[in-house]
Amino acid sequence: MGPSGQPAGGAQRILVLEDDADLGALLVGILEDAGYVPDLVTSPEGVSGTYDLAVADYLAPRFLPGQPWPHLDRLRALGAHGPLPVIGCTGHKDALADDPARLGVAAIAIKPFDLEVFLDTVARVLGSEHDAPGVYSPRG
């Protein structure tokens, strides 16, 4: 790892799994501006390569009651350095009552995002152990 948590060979790759095209494009732009290399997909099926982090929408691609982020196993297999850490995104504010580790994610991001907090969380998850839980909520 180089300074500030960036790999010595280049920017960290982030998979953005989002079924809302506008929000997905916004997240990609924010992550690019911050120096990351994001890829936007609407489904984890067919994704190849490895990543340093995934930012995954709660509903994408299919929500099953009681099974938020049902695609976590597929995402975890895409990790460049072991199981891929995932920031789970949702508009369901009651998700903050859940333990992220119990849900299988490294952190929970509540929509709408405070972009500074979102980028801080991305950096924190990328700089921590992959299974370290954490939660943040937007400033308000």
N, C-alpha and C. Protein backbone atom coordinates (compact mmCIF):
# COMPACT_ATOMS: atom_id res chain seq x y z
N MET A 1 0.83 -1.18 0.00
CA MET A 1 0.00 0.00 0.00
C MET A 1 0.87 1.25 0.00
N GLY A 2 0.45 2.21 -0.76
CA GLY A 2 1.13 3.48 -0.79
C GLY A 2 0.55 4.41 0.25
N PRO A 3 0.95 5.69 0.23
CA PRO A 3 0.39 6.65 1.17
C PRO A 3 -1.12 6.76 1.00
N SER A 4 -1.79 7.10 2.05
CA SER A 4 -3.24 7.32 2.11
C SER A 4 -4.05 6.09 1.71
N GLY A 5 -3.48 4.89 1.90
CA GLY A 5 -4.25 3.69 1.66
C GLY A 5 -4.37 3.28 0.22
N GLN A 6 -3.80 4.03 -0.71
CA GLN A 6 -3.88 3.67 -2.12
C GLN A 6 -2.86 2.60 -2.45
N PRO A 7 -3.22 1.63 -3.28
CA PRO A 7 -2.25 0.62 -3.68
C PRO A 7 -1.08 1.27 -4.41
N ALA A 8 0.10 0.72 -4.25
CA ALA A 8 1.29 1.27 -4.88
C ALA A 8 1.14 1.30 -6.39
N GLY A 9 0.43 0.34 -6.97
CA GLY A 9 0.31 0.25 -8.42
C GLY A 9 -0.81 1.06 -9.03
N GLY A 10 -1.59 1.80 -8.25
CA GLY A 10 -2.67 2.59 -8.84
C GLY A 10 -3.86 2.74 -7.93
N ALA A 11 -4.90 3.32 -8.50
CA ALA A 11 -6.11 3.63 -7.74
C ALA A 11 -6.87 2.35 -7.41
N GLN A 12 -7.59 2.41 -6.32
CA GLN A 12 -8.39 1.27 -5.88
C GLN A 12 -9.66 1.17 -6.72
N ARG A 13 -10.02 -0.07 -7.03
CA ARG A 13 -11.19 -0.35 -7.87
C ARG A 13 -12.41 -0.58 -6.98
N ILE A 14 -13.51 0.08 -7.35
CA ILE A 14 -14.76 -0.02 -6.60
C ILE A 14 -15.87 -0.43 -7.54
N LEU A 15 -16.58 -1.49 -7.18
CA LEU A 15 -17.74 -1.93 -7.92
C LEU A 15 -18.97 -1.25 -7.33
N VAL A 16 -19.72 -0.53 -8.15
CA VAL A 16 -20.95 0.14 -7.72
C VAL A 16 -22.12 -0.65 -8.29
N LEU A 17 -22.89 -1.26 -7.42
CA LEU A 17 -24.08 -2.02 -7.81
C LEU A 17 -25.29 -1.18 -7.46
N GLU A 18 -25.91 -0.59 -8.48
CA GLU A 18 -27.02 0.35 -8.26
C GLU A 18 -28.01 0.22 -9.41
N ASP A 19 -29.31 0.07 -9.09
CA ASP A 19 -30.31 -0.08 -10.14
C ASP A 19 -30.91 1.25 -10.58
N ASP A 20 -30.59 2.34 -9.91
CA ASP A 20 -31.03 3.68 -10.31
C ASP A 20 -29.90 4.30 -11.13
N ALA A 21 -30.13 4.47 -12.43
CA ALA A 21 -29.06 4.93 -13.33
C ALA A 21 -28.52 6.30 -12.92
N ASP A 22 -29.39 7.21 -12.52
CA ASP A 22 -28.94 8.56 -12.14
C ASP A 22 -28.07 8.52 -10.89
N LEU A 23 -28.52 7.79 -9.88
CA LEU A 23 -27.73 7.68 -8.66
C LEU A 23 -26.42 6.95 -8.93
N GLY A 24 -26.47 5.91 -9.73
CA GLY A 24 -25.25 5.18 -10.08
C GLY A 24 -24.24 6.08 -10.76
N ALA A 25 -24.70 6.90 -11.72
CA ALA A 25 -23.80 7.82 -12.43
C ALA A 25 -23.23 8.86 -11.46
N LEU A 26 -24.05 9.33 -10.53
CA LEU A 26 -23.57 10.29 -9.53
C LEU A 26 -22.48 9.67 -8.66
N LEU A 27 -22.71 8.46 -8.18
CA LEU A 27 -21.72 7.78 -7.33
C LEU A 27 -20.42 7.54 -8.09
N VAL A 28 -20.53 7.13 -9.36
CA VAL A 28 -19.33 6.91 -10.17
C VAL A 28 -18.54 8.21 -10.31
N GLY A 29 -19.23 9.30 -10.59
CA GLY A 29 -18.55 10.59 -10.73
C GLY A 29 -17.87 11.04 -9.45
N ILE A 30 -18.53 10.86 -8.33
CA ILE A 30 -17.96 11.24 -7.02
C ILE A 30 -16.72 10.40 -6.73
N LEU A 31 -16.82 9.10 -6.97
CA LEU A 31 -15.69 8.21 -6.70
C LEU A 31 -14.52 8.49 -7.65
N GLU A 32 -14.81 8.78 -8.91
CA GLU A 32 -13.74 9.14 -9.85
C GLU A 32 -13.04 10.42 -9.42
N ASP A 33 -13.83 11.41 -9.03
CA ASP A 33 -13.25 12.68 -8.58
C ASP A 33 -12.36 12.49 -7.35
N ALA A 34 -12.68 11.47 -6.54
CA ALA A 34 -11.89 11.18 -5.34
C ALA A 34 -10.66 10.31 -5.65
N GLY A 35 -10.47 9.92 -6.91
CA GLY A 35 -9.29 9.18 -7.30
C GLY A 35 -9.45 7.67 -7.36
N TYR A 36 -10.67 7.18 -7.22
CA TYR A 36 -10.93 5.75 -7.32
C TYR A 36 -11.28 5.38 -8.76
N VAL A 37 -11.31 4.09 -9.04
CA VAL A 37 -11.70 3.58 -10.36
C VAL A 37 -12.98 2.78 -10.17
N PRO A 38 -14.15 3.43 -10.36
CA PRO A 38 -15.40 2.72 -10.16
C PRO A 38 -15.94 2.10 -11.45
N ASP A 39 -16.63 0.97 -11.29
CA ASP A 39 -17.38 0.33 -12.37
C ASP A 39 -18.82 0.24 -11.92
N LEU A 40 -19.76 0.69 -12.76
CA LEU A 40 -21.17 0.67 -12.44
C LEU A 40 -21.84 -0.53 -13.10
N VAL A 41 -22.58 -1.31 -12.31
CA VAL A 41 -23.37 -2.42 -12.82
C VAL A 41 -24.74 -2.40 -12.16
N THR A 42 -25.73 -3.01 -12.83
CA THR A 42 -27.06 -3.12 -12.23
C THR A 42 -27.31 -4.50 -11.65
N SER A 43 -26.40 -5.43 -11.92
CA SER A 43 -26.50 -6.79 -11.38
C SER A 43 -25.09 -7.36 -11.26
N PRO A 44 -24.83 -8.16 -10.24
CA PRO A 44 -23.49 -8.73 -10.10
C PRO A 44 -23.23 -9.90 -11.05
N GLU A 45 -24.27 -10.42 -11.70
CA GLU A 45 -24.08 -11.52 -12.63
C GLU A 45 -23.21 -11.06 -13.79
N GLY A 46 -22.23 -11.87 -14.13
CA GLY A 46 -21.38 -11.57 -15.27
C GLY A 46 -20.23 -10.61 -14.98
N VAL A 47 -20.13 -10.11 -13.77
CA VAL A 47 -19.02 -9.22 -13.43
C VAL A 47 -17.75 -10.06 -13.30
N SER A 48 -16.68 -9.59 -13.92
CA SER A 48 -15.42 -10.31 -13.82
C SER A 48 -14.34 -9.35 -13.32
N GLY A 49 -13.20 -9.89 -13.02
CA GLY A 49 -12.13 -9.07 -12.47
C GLY A 49 -12.24 -9.03 -10.96
N THR A 50 -11.35 -8.26 -10.35
CA THR A 50 -11.36 -8.13 -8.90
C THR A 50 -11.47 -6.66 -8.51
N TYR A 51 -11.93 -6.45 -7.29
CA TYR A 51 -12.18 -5.11 -6.78
C TYR A 51 -11.66 -5.01 -5.36
N ASP A 52 -11.53 -3.77 -4.90
CA ASP A 52 -11.11 -3.50 -3.53
C ASP A 52 -12.30 -3.24 -2.61
N LEU A 53 -13.45 -2.89 -3.20
CA LEU A 53 -14.64 -2.54 -2.43
C LEU A 53 -15.84 -2.61 -3.35
N ALA A 54 -17.00 -2.94 -2.78
CA ALA A 54 -18.27 -2.83 -3.50
C ALA A 54 -19.18 -1.89 -2.72
N VAL A 55 -19.91 -1.07 -3.44
CA VAL A 55 -20.97 -0.24 -2.89
C VAL A 55 -22.24 -0.78 -3.51
N ALA A 56 -23.09 -1.41 -2.70
CA ALA A 56 -24.23 -2.16 -3.23
C ALA A 56 -25.55 -1.64 -2.71
N ASP A 57 -26.45 -1.38 -3.63
CA ASP A 57 -27.80 -0.96 -3.30
C ASP A 57 -28.56 -2.12 -2.65
N TYR A 58 -29.39 -1.80 -1.69
CA TYR A 58 -30.20 -2.78 -0.95
C TYR A 58 -31.12 -3.55 -1.89
N LEU A 59 -31.69 -2.86 -2.88
CA LEU A 59 -32.70 -3.46 -3.73
C LEU A 59 -32.13 -4.08 -5.00
N ALA A 60 -30.91 -3.81 -5.34
CA ALA A 60 -30.37 -4.30 -6.61
C ALA A 60 -29.72 -5.65 -6.44
N PRO A 61 -29.92 -6.60 -7.32
CA PRO A 61 -30.89 -6.53 -8.40
C PRO A 61 -32.28 -7.02 -7.99
N ARG A 62 -32.39 -7.81 -6.92
CA ARG A 62 -33.69 -8.32 -6.50
C ARG A 62 -33.75 -8.31 -4.98
N PHE A 63 -34.75 -7.67 -4.44
CA PHE A 63 -34.91 -7.64 -2.99
C PHE A 63 -35.78 -8.82 -2.55
N LEU A 64 -35.31 -9.53 -1.57
CA LEU A 64 -36.07 -10.61 -0.97
C LEU A 64 -36.32 -10.24 0.49
N PRO A 65 -37.57 -10.17 0.93
CA PRO A 65 -37.83 -9.80 2.32
C PRO A 65 -37.01 -10.65 3.28
N GLY A 66 -36.36 -10.00 4.22
CA GLY A 66 -35.54 -10.69 5.20
C GLY A 66 -34.15 -11.04 4.70
N GLN A 67 -33.87 -10.74 3.44
CA GLN A 67 -32.55 -11.03 2.88
C GLN A 67 -32.01 -9.79 2.17
N PRO A 68 -31.64 -8.75 2.93
CA PRO A 68 -31.04 -7.61 2.27
C PRO A 68 -29.74 -8.01 1.61
N TRP A 69 -29.45 -7.39 0.52
CA TRP A 69 -28.23 -7.67 -0.22
C TRP A 69 -28.07 -9.18 -0.46
N PRO A 70 -29.03 -9.82 -1.18
CA PRO A 70 -28.98 -11.27 -1.36
C PRO A 70 -27.82 -11.73 -2.24
N HIS A 71 -27.11 -10.80 -2.84
CA HIS A 71 -26.01 -11.10 -3.75
C HIS A 71 -24.64 -10.99 -3.09
N LEU A 72 -24.59 -10.95 -1.77
CA LEU A 72 -23.31 -10.74 -1.08
C LEU A 72 -22.28 -11.83 -1.37
N ASP A 73 -22.70 -13.07 -1.45
CA ASP A 73 -21.72 -14.14 -1.72
C ASP A 73 -21.04 -13.92 -3.06
N ARG A 74 -21.82 -13.55 -4.07
CA ARG A 74 -21.26 -13.29 -5.39
C ARG A 74 -20.30 -12.10 -5.34
N LEU A 75 -20.67 -11.06 -4.62
CA LEU A 75 -19.80 -9.88 -4.51
C LEU A 75 -18.52 -10.21 -3.76
N ARG A 76 -18.62 -10.92 -2.65
CA ARG A 76 -17.43 -11.25 -1.84
C ARG A 76 -16.38 -11.99 -2.65
N ALA A 77 -16.82 -12.79 -3.62
CA ALA A 77 -15.88 -13.57 -4.44
C ALA A 77 -15.06 -12.68 -5.38
N LEU A 78 -15.40 -11.41 -5.51
CA LEU A 78 -14.71 -10.50 -6.42
C LEU A 78 -13.58 -9.73 -5.73
N GLY A 79 -13.25 -10.08 -4.51
CA GLY A 79 -12.24 -9.35 -3.76
C GLY A 79 -10.84 -9.53 -4.31
N ALA A 80 -10.11 -8.43 -4.42
CA ALA A 80 -8.74 -8.48 -4.90
C ALA A 80 -7.80 -9.03 -3.83
N HIS A 81 -8.18 -8.90 -2.56
CA HIS A 81 -7.30 -9.29 -1.44
C HIS A 81 -8.07 -10.11 -0.42
N GLY A 82 -8.82 -11.09 -0.88
CA GLY A 82 -9.67 -11.87 0.01
C GLY A 82 -11.11 -11.46 -0.20
N PRO A 83 -12.01 -11.80 0.72
CA PRO A 83 -13.42 -11.45 0.55
C PRO A 83 -13.59 -9.94 0.38
N LEU A 84 -14.37 -9.56 -0.62
CA LEU A 84 -14.59 -8.15 -0.93
C LEU A 84 -15.43 -7.48 0.15
N PRO A 85 -14.95 -6.37 0.73
CA PRO A 85 -15.80 -5.64 1.68
C PRO A 85 -16.90 -4.91 0.92
N VAL A 86 -18.07 -4.83 1.54
CA VAL A 86 -19.24 -4.24 0.89
C VAL A 86 -19.83 -3.17 1.80
N ILE A 87 -20.08 -2.00 1.21
CA ILE A 87 -20.87 -0.96 1.87
C ILE A 87 -22.28 -1.13 1.33
N GLY A 88 -23.22 -1.46 2.21
CA GLY A 88 -24.60 -1.65 1.81
C GLY A 88 -25.35 -0.33 1.86
N CYS A 89 -25.99 0.03 0.76
CA CYS A 89 -26.73 1.29 0.67
C CYS A 89 -28.23 1.03 0.71
N THR A 90 -28.94 1.88 1.41
CA THR A 90 -30.39 1.74 1.52
C THR A 90 -31.03 3.07 1.87
N GLY A 91 -32.26 3.22 1.47
CA GLY A 91 -33.07 4.36 1.88
C GLY A 91 -33.87 4.05 3.13
N HIS A 92 -33.76 2.82 3.64
CA HIS A 92 -34.51 2.40 4.82
C HIS A 92 -33.75 2.83 6.08
N LYS A 93 -34.18 3.91 6.68
CA LYS A 93 -33.47 4.44 7.85
C LYS A 93 -33.44 3.46 9.01
N ASP A 94 -34.42 2.55 9.08
CA ASP A 94 -34.43 1.57 10.16
C ASP A 94 -33.28 0.57 10.05
N ALA A 95 -32.58 0.56 8.91
CA ALA A 95 -31.43 -0.34 8.75
C ALA A 95 -30.32 0.02 9.73
N LEU A 96 -30.29 1.25 10.21
CA LEU A 96 -29.26 1.66 11.17
C LEU A 96 -29.40 0.91 12.49
N ALA A 97 -30.59 0.35 12.74
CA ALA A 97 -30.78 -0.42 13.97
C ALA A 97 -30.11 -1.78 13.88
N ASP A 98 -29.77 -2.21 12.67
CA ASP A 98 -29.13 -3.51 12.48
C ASP A 98 -27.63 -3.41 12.61
N ASP A 99 -27.02 -4.49 13.04
CA ASP A 99 -25.57 -4.59 13.10
C ASP A 99 -25.07 -4.92 11.70
N PRO A 100 -24.21 -4.07 11.11
CA PRO A 100 -23.74 -4.34 9.75
C PRO A 100 -23.12 -5.73 9.62
N ALA A 101 -22.35 -6.16 10.60
CA ALA A 101 -21.70 -7.47 10.52
C ALA A 101 -22.75 -8.58 10.46
N ARG A 102 -23.85 -8.43 11.19
CA ARG A 102 -24.92 -9.43 11.14
C ARG A 102 -25.53 -9.49 9.75
N LEU A 103 -25.61 -8.34 9.09
CA LEU A 103 -26.16 -8.28 7.74
C LEU A 103 -25.14 -8.70 6.68
N GLY A 104 -23.87 -8.79 7.08
CA GLY A 104 -22.83 -9.22 6.16
C GLY A 104 -22.14 -8.11 5.41
N VAL A 105 -22.32 -6.87 5.87
CA VAL A 105 -21.68 -5.73 5.21
C VAL A 105 -20.71 -5.05 6.16
N ALA A 106 -19.76 -4.31 5.58
CA ALA A 106 -18.76 -3.60 6.39
C ALA A 106 -19.33 -2.32 6.97
N ALA A 107 -20.29 -1.70 6.27
CA ALA A 107 -20.93 -0.47 6.72
C ALA A 107 -22.27 -0.34 6.03
N ILE A 108 -23.15 0.47 6.61
CA ILE A 108 -24.44 0.76 6.01
C ILE A 108 -24.47 2.25 5.69
N ALA A 109 -24.83 2.58 4.46
CA ALA A 109 -24.96 3.96 4.02
C ALA A 109 -26.43 4.25 3.77
N ILE A 110 -26.94 5.28 4.42
CA ILE A 110 -28.34 5.65 4.28
C ILE A 110 -28.49 6.72 3.21
N LYS A 111 -29.40 6.47 2.27
CA LYS A 111 -29.71 7.45 1.22
C LYS A 111 -30.75 8.41 1.77
N PRO A 112 -30.73 9.68 1.40
CA PRO A 112 -29.75 10.33 0.53
C PRO A 112 -28.43 10.51 1.26
N PHE A 113 -27.34 10.43 0.50
CA PHE A 113 -26.01 10.48 1.05
C PHE A 113 -25.57 11.90 1.36
N ASP A 114 -24.85 12.04 2.45
CA ASP A 114 -23.98 13.19 2.66
C ASP A 114 -22.67 12.76 2.00
N LEU A 115 -22.29 13.40 0.91
CA LEU A 115 -21.18 12.90 0.11
C LEU A 115 -19.86 12.90 0.84
N GLU A 116 -19.62 13.87 1.72
CA GLU A 116 -18.38 13.87 2.50
C GLU A 116 -18.33 12.67 3.43
N VAL A 117 -19.44 12.39 4.08
CA VAL A 117 -19.51 11.23 4.98
C VAL A 117 -19.37 9.95 4.18
N PHE A 118 -20.01 9.90 3.01
CA PHE A 118 -19.90 8.72 2.16
C PHE A 118 -18.44 8.46 1.78
N LEU A 119 -17.73 9.48 1.32
CA LEU A 119 -16.33 9.30 0.93
C LEU A 119 -15.45 8.95 2.13
N ASP A 120 -15.75 9.53 3.29
CA ASP A 120 -15.01 9.16 4.50
C ASP A 120 -15.22 7.68 4.83
N THR A 121 -16.45 7.20 4.65
CA THR A 121 -16.74 5.79 4.93
C THR A 121 -16.04 4.88 3.94
N VAL A 122 -16.03 5.27 2.66
CA VAL A 122 -15.31 4.49 1.65
C VAL A 122 -13.84 4.37 2.05
N ALA A 123 -13.23 5.50 2.39
CA ALA A 123 -11.81 5.50 2.77
C ALA A 123 -11.58 4.67 4.03
N ARG A 124 -12.49 4.77 5.00
CA ARG A 124 -12.35 4.01 6.25
C ARG A 124 -12.45 2.52 6.00
N VAL A 125 -13.43 2.10 5.20
CA VAL A 125 -13.59 0.66 4.93
C VAL A 125 -12.41 0.15 4.12
N LEU A 126 -11.94 0.91 3.16
CA LEU A 126 -10.78 0.49 2.37
C LEU A 126 -9.51 0.40 3.22
N GLY A 127 -9.42 1.23 4.25
CA GLY A 127 -8.23 1.24 5.09
C GLY A 127 -8.29 0.33 6.29
N SER A 128 -9.42 -0.37 6.47
CA SER A 128 -9.58 -1.23 7.64
C SER A 128 -9.52 -2.69 7.24
N GLU A 129 -9.56 -3.55 8.25
CA GLU A 129 -9.68 -4.97 7.98
C GLU A 129 -11.00 -5.18 7.25
N HIS A 130 -11.03 -6.11 6.30
CA HIS A 130 -12.20 -6.29 5.45
C HIS A 130 -13.45 -6.70 6.20
N ASP A 131 -13.32 -7.32 7.36
CA ASP A 131 -14.53 -7.74 8.06
C ASP A 131 -14.89 -6.81 9.21
N ALA A 132 -14.25 -5.65 9.27
CA ALA A 132 -14.53 -4.71 10.36
C ALA A 132 -15.88 -4.05 10.12
N PRO A 133 -16.83 -4.20 11.05
CA PRO A 133 -18.13 -3.58 10.85
C PRO A 133 -18.08 -2.09 11.16
N GLY A 134 -19.02 -1.36 10.63
CA GLY A 134 -19.14 0.04 10.92
C GLY A 134 -20.41 0.58 10.32
N VAL A 135 -20.97 1.59 10.92
CA VAL A 135 -22.20 2.18 10.44
C VAL A 135 -22.01 3.69 10.41
N TYR A 136 -22.59 4.31 9.41
CA TYR A 136 -22.65 5.75 9.44
C TYR A 136 -23.99 6.17 8.95
N SER A 137 -24.37 7.37 9.31
CA SER A 137 -25.62 7.93 8.82
C SER A 137 -25.31 9.33 8.34
N PRO A 138 -26.19 9.89 7.50
CA PRO A 138 -25.91 11.22 6.99
C PRO A 138 -25.93 12.26 8.10
N ARG A 139 -25.14 13.31 7.89
CA ARG A 139 -25.19 14.43 8.83
C ARG A 139 -26.49 15.14 8.64
N GLY A 140 -26.98 15.70 9.71
CA GLY A 140 -28.25 16.34 9.48
C GLY A 140 -28.57 17.31 10.47
